[in-house]
Amino acid sequence: MGSSRCLRAGLSVALCLVVCLLLPEKTLGLTSRNMPPLAKSSAHDLPLARQAMHFFDSSPDPFHAVQTSVDMLEQAGFQELLEREPYADKLVPGGKYYFTKNKSTLVAFAVGSLYKPGNGGFK
């Protein structure tokens, strides 16, 4: 699958990059004849590539991408904050948080260990 066919098929640019990296022989139009061949992928690259492919498969649109990301954040210990509610008193040093807007936008952040309530710009 060439890069232009990949884009015409409606796949994301990121997925095209993964395909091009994993299957360089299928994307001949992307390399110059003067460039050295791509390095072979090593075994330690495969788990990351599989995670990326799982994310792409689970995220056909922005809403699914946000939900897939939320699932990953929650597995990593992030806590949800509701955007419409004040949350300054809910933040603790070293805490990890996220909130969504319209289920199509995601904001995630971690609070530094030196955070003191009242010293920040949180509502």
N, C-alpha and C. Protein backbone atom coordinates (compact mmCIF):
# COMPACT_ATOMS: atom_id res chain seq x y z
N MET A 1 0.85 -1.17 0.00
CA MET A 1 0.00 0.00 0.00
C MET A 1 0.90 1.22 0.00
N GLY A 2 0.90 2.02 -1.07
CA GLY A 2 1.71 3.23 -1.16
C GLY A 2 1.15 4.32 -0.27
N SER A 3 1.96 5.35 -0.04
CA SER A 3 1.52 6.40 0.87
C SER A 3 0.29 7.12 0.35
N SER A 4 0.19 7.40 -0.95
CA SER A 4 -0.98 8.10 -1.46
C SER A 4 -2.22 7.22 -1.38
N ARG A 5 -2.07 5.92 -1.66
CA ARG A 5 -3.21 5.01 -1.52
C ARG A 5 -3.66 4.95 -0.07
N CYS A 6 -2.71 4.97 0.83
CA CYS A 6 -3.02 4.91 2.26
C CYS A 6 -3.85 6.12 2.66
N LEU A 7 -3.44 7.30 2.21
CA LEU A 7 -4.19 8.51 2.56
C LEU A 7 -5.56 8.51 1.90
N ARG A 8 -5.63 8.07 0.64
CA ARG A 8 -6.92 8.03 -0.03
C ARG A 8 -7.87 7.07 0.65
N ALA A 9 -7.35 6.05 1.27
CA ALA A 9 -8.20 5.07 1.95
C ALA A 9 -8.77 5.64 3.24
N GLY A 10 -8.39 6.86 3.60
CA GLY A 10 -8.95 7.49 4.78
C GLY A 10 -8.24 7.13 6.07
N LEU A 11 -7.08 6.49 5.99
CA LEU A 11 -6.35 6.14 7.20
C LEU A 11 -5.59 7.37 7.68
N SER A 12 -5.35 7.43 8.96
CA SER A 12 -4.65 8.58 9.51
C SER A 12 -3.20 8.60 9.06
N VAL A 13 -2.61 9.78 9.08
CA VAL A 13 -1.22 9.92 8.70
C VAL A 13 -0.34 9.10 9.63
N ALA A 14 -0.69 9.07 10.91
CA ALA A 14 0.12 8.30 11.86
C ALA A 14 0.10 6.82 11.51
N LEU A 15 -1.05 6.30 11.12
CA LEU A 15 -1.12 4.89 10.74
C LEU A 15 -0.29 4.65 9.49
N CYS A 16 -0.32 5.59 8.57
CA CYS A 16 0.50 5.46 7.36
C CYS A 16 1.97 5.37 7.73
N LEU A 17 2.39 6.17 8.70
CA LEU A 17 3.79 6.13 9.12
C LEU A 17 4.14 4.78 9.72
N VAL A 18 3.23 4.23 10.53
CA VAL A 18 3.49 2.92 11.12
C VAL A 18 3.60 1.87 10.03
N VAL A 19 2.69 1.90 9.06
CA VAL A 19 2.73 0.93 7.97
C VAL A 19 4.03 1.10 7.18
N CYS A 20 4.41 2.33 6.91
CA CYS A 20 5.62 2.58 6.13
C CYS A 20 6.87 2.11 6.88
N LEU A 21 6.88 2.25 8.20
CA LEU A 21 8.04 1.80 8.97
C LEU A 21 8.09 0.29 9.09
N LEU A 22 6.92 -0.33 9.23
CA LEU A 22 6.89 -1.77 9.42
C LEU A 22 6.98 -2.55 8.11
N LEU A 23 6.51 -1.93 7.02
CA LEU A 23 6.50 -2.61 5.73
C LEU A 23 7.18 -1.76 4.66
N PRO A 24 8.47 -1.47 4.81
CA PRO A 24 9.12 -0.57 3.85
C PRO A 24 9.09 -1.09 2.42
N GLU A 25 9.04 -2.40 2.23
CA GLU A 25 9.02 -2.93 0.86
C GLU A 25 7.71 -2.62 0.16
N LYS A 26 6.66 -2.29 0.91
CA LYS A 26 5.36 -1.97 0.32
C LYS A 26 5.22 -0.48 0.03
N THR A 27 6.18 0.33 0.45
CA THR A 27 6.08 1.78 0.31
C THR A 27 7.29 2.32 -0.45
N LEU A 28 7.57 1.74 -1.59
CA LEU A 28 8.77 2.09 -2.35
C LEU A 28 8.82 3.55 -2.75
N GLY A 29 7.67 4.18 -2.95
CA GLY A 29 7.65 5.56 -3.39
C GLY A 29 8.12 6.55 -2.34
N LEU A 30 8.28 6.11 -1.11
CA LEU A 30 8.66 7.03 -0.05
C LEU A 30 10.16 7.17 0.11
N THR A 31 10.95 6.31 -0.50
CA THR A 31 12.39 6.38 -0.30
C THR A 31 13.08 6.77 -1.60
N SER A 32 14.18 7.44 -1.47
CA SER A 32 14.99 7.82 -2.63
C SER A 32 15.92 6.67 -2.98
N ARG A 33 16.25 6.54 -4.24
CA ARG A 33 17.19 5.48 -4.65
C ARG A 33 18.58 5.73 -4.07
N ASN A 34 18.86 6.97 -3.71
CA ASN A 34 20.18 7.31 -3.18
C ASN A 34 20.28 7.09 -1.68
N MET A 35 19.18 6.84 -1.02
CA MET A 35 19.20 6.68 0.44
C MET A 35 19.56 5.25 0.80
N PRO A 36 20.25 5.08 1.93
CA PRO A 36 20.54 3.71 2.37
C PRO A 36 19.25 3.01 2.77
N PRO A 37 19.23 1.70 2.76
CA PRO A 37 18.01 0.98 3.14
C PRO A 37 17.67 1.24 4.61
N LEU A 38 16.40 1.14 4.93
CA LEU A 38 15.96 1.32 6.31
C LEU A 38 16.52 0.20 7.17
N ALA A 39 16.85 0.56 8.40
CA ALA A 39 17.35 -0.45 9.34
C ALA A 39 16.24 -1.44 9.65
N LYS A 40 16.60 -2.66 9.85
CA LYS A 40 15.62 -3.68 10.22
C LYS A 40 15.06 -3.35 11.59
N SER A 41 13.77 -3.59 11.78
CA SER A 41 13.20 -3.35 13.11
C SER A 41 13.70 -4.43 14.05
N SER A 42 13.91 -4.03 15.26
CA SER A 42 14.40 -4.98 16.25
C SER A 42 13.24 -5.50 17.09
N ALA A 43 13.48 -6.54 17.81
CA ALA A 43 12.43 -7.18 18.60
C ALA A 43 11.87 -6.24 19.64
N HIS A 44 12.68 -5.31 20.15
CA HIS A 44 12.15 -4.41 21.18
C HIS A 44 11.22 -3.34 20.60
N ASP A 45 11.20 -3.14 19.28
CA ASP A 45 10.29 -2.19 18.66
C ASP A 45 8.89 -2.77 18.48
N LEU A 46 8.76 -4.07 18.40
CA LEU A 46 7.47 -4.69 18.08
C LEU A 46 6.39 -4.44 19.12
N PRO A 47 6.64 -4.53 20.42
CA PRO A 47 5.56 -4.25 21.38
C PRO A 47 5.01 -2.83 21.24
N LEU A 48 5.88 -1.86 21.02
CA LEU A 48 5.42 -0.49 20.85
C LEU A 48 4.60 -0.35 19.57
N ALA A 49 5.04 -1.00 18.51
CA ALA A 49 4.28 -0.96 17.25
C ALA A 49 2.92 -1.62 17.43
N ARG A 50 2.87 -2.73 18.17
CA ARG A 50 1.58 -3.39 18.41
C ARG A 50 0.66 -2.49 19.24
N GLN A 51 1.22 -1.79 20.24
CA GLN A 51 0.40 -0.87 21.03
C GLN A 51 -0.15 0.24 20.14
N ALA A 52 0.67 0.77 19.25
CA ALA A 52 0.22 1.82 18.35
C ALA A 52 -0.89 1.30 17.43
N MET A 53 -0.71 0.11 16.90
CA MET A 53 -1.73 -0.46 16.02
C MET A 53 -3.03 -0.71 16.78
N HIS A 54 -2.94 -1.17 18.02
CA HIS A 54 -4.14 -1.36 18.84
C HIS A 54 -4.84 -0.02 19.06
N PHE A 55 -4.07 1.03 19.35
CA PHE A 55 -4.66 2.35 19.54
C PHE A 55 -5.38 2.81 18.27
N PHE A 56 -4.73 2.66 17.12
CA PHE A 56 -5.35 3.07 15.86
C PHE A 56 -6.61 2.26 15.57
N ASP A 57 -6.56 0.97 15.81
CA ASP A 57 -7.74 0.12 15.58
C ASP A 57 -8.89 0.50 16.50
N SER A 58 -8.57 0.94 17.71
CA SER A 58 -9.59 1.29 18.70
C SER A 58 -10.08 2.72 18.55
N SER A 59 -9.48 3.49 17.65
CA SER A 59 -9.76 4.93 17.57
C SER A 59 -10.09 5.38 16.16
N PRO A 60 -11.23 4.95 15.61
CA PRO A 60 -11.55 5.34 14.24
C PRO A 60 -11.97 6.81 14.09
N ASP A 61 -12.25 7.49 15.20
CA ASP A 61 -12.64 8.89 15.15
C ASP A 61 -12.17 9.58 16.44
N PRO A 62 -12.29 10.92 16.52
CA PRO A 62 -11.80 11.63 17.71
C PRO A 62 -12.45 11.16 19.01
N PHE A 63 -13.71 10.81 18.97
CA PHE A 63 -14.41 10.39 20.18
C PHE A 63 -13.83 9.08 20.73
N HIS A 64 -13.60 8.13 19.82
CA HIS A 64 -12.99 6.87 20.25
C HIS A 64 -11.54 7.07 20.68
N ALA A 65 -10.82 7.97 20.00
CA ALA A 65 -9.43 8.24 20.38
C ALA A 65 -9.36 8.79 21.79
N VAL A 66 -10.29 9.69 22.13
CA VAL A 66 -10.32 10.23 23.49
C VAL A 66 -10.65 9.13 24.49
N GLN A 67 -11.64 8.30 24.19
CA GLN A 67 -12.01 7.24 25.13
C GLN A 67 -10.88 6.23 25.31
N THR A 68 -10.23 5.87 24.22
CA THR A 68 -9.10 4.95 24.31
C THR A 68 -7.99 5.56 25.16
N SER A 69 -7.74 6.85 24.97
CA SER A 69 -6.72 7.55 25.76
C SER A 69 -7.11 7.63 27.22
N VAL A 70 -8.39 7.89 27.50
CA VAL A 70 -8.87 7.93 28.89
C VAL A 70 -8.65 6.58 29.55
N ASP A 71 -8.97 5.51 28.85
CA ASP A 71 -8.76 4.16 29.41
C ASP A 71 -7.29 3.96 29.77
N MET A 72 -6.39 4.40 28.89
CA MET A 72 -4.96 4.26 29.15
C MET A 72 -4.53 5.12 30.34
N LEU A 73 -5.05 6.34 30.41
CA LEU A 73 -4.70 7.22 31.53
C LEU A 73 -5.18 6.65 32.86
N GLU A 74 -6.40 6.12 32.87
CA GLU A 74 -6.92 5.55 34.12
C GLU A 74 -6.10 4.34 34.55
N GLN A 75 -5.66 3.53 33.60
CA GLN A 75 -4.79 2.40 33.94
C GLN A 75 -3.46 2.88 34.52
N ALA A 76 -3.05 4.09 34.14
CA ALA A 76 -1.79 4.65 34.64
C ALA A 76 -1.98 5.45 35.92
N GLY A 77 -3.21 5.44 36.48
CA GLY A 77 -3.44 6.10 37.76
C GLY A 77 -3.96 7.52 37.68
N PHE A 78 -4.36 7.99 36.51
CA PHE A 78 -4.91 9.34 36.39
C PHE A 78 -6.35 9.34 36.91
N GLN A 79 -6.75 10.46 37.50
CA GLN A 79 -8.11 10.61 38.03
C GLN A 79 -8.85 11.65 37.20
N GLU A 80 -10.14 11.41 36.98
CA GLU A 80 -10.95 12.33 36.19
C GLU A 80 -11.37 13.53 37.03
N LEU A 81 -11.30 14.71 36.43
CA LEU A 81 -11.84 15.93 37.00
C LEU A 81 -12.98 16.38 36.09
N LEU A 82 -14.02 16.92 36.67
CA LEU A 82 -15.12 17.45 35.86
C LEU A 82 -14.82 18.91 35.58
N GLU A 83 -14.77 19.26 34.31
CA GLU A 83 -14.37 20.61 33.91
C GLU A 83 -15.27 21.68 34.51
N ARG A 84 -16.54 21.39 34.65
CA ARG A 84 -17.49 22.40 35.12
C ARG A 84 -17.46 22.60 36.63
N GLU A 85 -16.71 21.78 37.35
CA GLU A 85 -16.63 21.91 38.81
C GLU A 85 -15.25 22.42 39.23
N PRO A 86 -15.20 23.27 40.27
CA PRO A 86 -13.88 23.70 40.77
C PRO A 86 -13.09 22.49 41.25
N TYR A 87 -11.81 22.48 40.96
CA TYR A 87 -11.03 21.32 41.36
C TYR A 87 -9.73 21.70 42.06
N ALA A 88 -9.55 22.97 42.41
CA ALA A 88 -8.32 23.37 43.08
C ALA A 88 -8.13 22.62 44.39
N ASP A 89 -9.22 22.37 45.11
CA ASP A 89 -9.10 21.67 46.39
C ASP A 89 -8.95 20.16 46.22
N LYS A 90 -9.09 19.67 44.99
CA LYS A 90 -8.95 18.23 44.73
C LYS A 90 -7.53 17.85 44.32
N LEU A 91 -6.72 18.85 43.95
CA LEU A 91 -5.37 18.58 43.48
C LEU A 91 -4.42 18.36 44.65
N VAL A 92 -3.59 17.34 44.51
CA VAL A 92 -2.60 17.05 45.55
C VAL A 92 -1.22 16.94 44.89
N PRO A 93 -0.17 17.26 45.64
CA PRO A 93 1.17 17.11 45.07
C PRO A 93 1.40 15.69 44.55
N GLY A 94 1.92 15.60 43.35
CA GLY A 94 2.19 14.30 42.73
C GLY A 94 0.97 13.65 42.09
N GLY A 95 -0.19 14.31 42.14
CA GLY A 95 -1.41 13.75 41.56
C GLY A 95 -1.40 13.81 40.04
N LYS A 96 -2.16 12.91 39.41
CA LYS A 96 -2.28 12.85 37.95
C LYS A 96 -3.76 12.94 37.61
N TYR A 97 -4.10 13.86 36.71
CA TYR A 97 -5.50 14.17 36.44
C TYR A 97 -5.75 14.34 34.95
N TYR A 98 -7.04 14.26 34.59
CA TYR A 98 -7.45 14.54 33.22
C TYR A 98 -8.89 15.02 33.24
N PHE A 99 -9.27 15.73 32.18
CA PHE A 99 -10.68 16.04 31.94
C PHE A 99 -10.90 16.06 30.44
N THR A 100 -12.16 15.88 30.06
CA THR A 100 -12.52 15.90 28.64
C THR A 100 -13.50 17.03 28.39
N LYS A 101 -13.56 17.44 27.14
CA LYS A 101 -14.53 18.45 26.73
C LYS A 101 -15.24 17.90 25.51
N ASN A 102 -16.55 17.80 25.61
CA ASN A 102 -17.39 17.30 24.52
C ASN A 102 -16.99 15.90 24.06
N LYS A 103 -16.30 15.17 24.89
CA LYS A 103 -15.84 13.81 24.58
C LYS A 103 -14.98 13.73 23.33
N SER A 104 -14.48 14.89 22.85
CA SER A 104 -13.61 14.88 21.67
C SER A 104 -12.29 15.58 21.93
N THR A 105 -12.12 16.13 23.12
CA THR A 105 -10.88 16.80 23.50
C THR A 105 -10.46 16.27 24.86
N LEU A 106 -9.18 16.05 25.03
CA LEU A 106 -8.66 15.50 26.27
C LEU A 106 -7.52 16.37 26.77
N VAL A 107 -7.57 16.69 28.07
CA VAL A 107 -6.48 17.42 28.72
C VAL A 107 -6.03 16.57 29.90
N ALA A 108 -4.75 16.25 29.95
CA ALA A 108 -4.20 15.45 31.04
C ALA A 108 -2.97 16.18 31.58
N PHE A 109 -2.77 16.10 32.89
CA PHE A 109 -1.62 16.76 33.49
C PHE A 109 -1.26 16.08 34.80
N ALA A 110 -0.03 16.30 35.22
CA ALA A 110 0.45 15.82 36.51
C ALA A 110 0.86 17.03 37.33
N VAL A 111 0.57 16.97 38.62
CA VAL A 111 0.91 18.06 39.53
C VAL A 111 2.28 17.77 40.12
N GLY A 112 3.13 18.77 40.14
CA GLY A 112 4.47 18.60 40.69
C GLY A 112 4.45 18.33 42.18
N SER A 113 5.49 17.71 42.66
CA SER A 113 5.55 17.33 44.08
C SER A 113 5.70 18.53 45.00
N LEU A 114 6.08 19.70 44.49
CA LEU A 114 6.23 20.90 45.31
C LEU A 114 4.99 21.79 45.29
N TYR A 115 3.92 21.35 44.64
CA TYR A 115 2.70 22.14 44.54
C TYR A 115 2.12 22.42 45.92
N LYS A 116 1.73 23.69 46.13
CA LYS A 116 1.05 24.09 47.36
C LYS A 116 -0.26 24.75 46.95
N PRO A 117 -1.39 24.28 47.48
CA PRO A 117 -2.68 24.89 47.14
C PRO A 117 -2.64 26.40 47.37
N GLY A 118 -3.22 27.12 46.44
CA GLY A 118 -3.27 28.57 46.54
C GLY A 118 -2.15 29.26 45.79
N ASN A 119 -1.14 28.53 45.35
CA ASN A 119 -0.02 29.13 44.62
C ASN A 119 -0.16 29.00 43.11
N GLY A 120 -1.23 28.39 42.64
CA GLY A 120 -1.36 28.15 41.21
C GLY A 120 -2.52 28.90 40.61
N GLY A 121 -2.69 28.73 39.32
CA GLY A 121 -3.76 29.40 38.60
C GLY A 121 -4.97 28.51 38.38
N PHE A 122 -5.13 27.47 39.21
CA PHE A 122 -6.28 26.58 39.04
C PHE A 122 -7.53 27.21 39.61
N LYS A 123 -8.68 26.90 39.00
CA LYS A 123 -9.94 27.45 39.50
C LYS A 123 -10.42 26.73 40.71
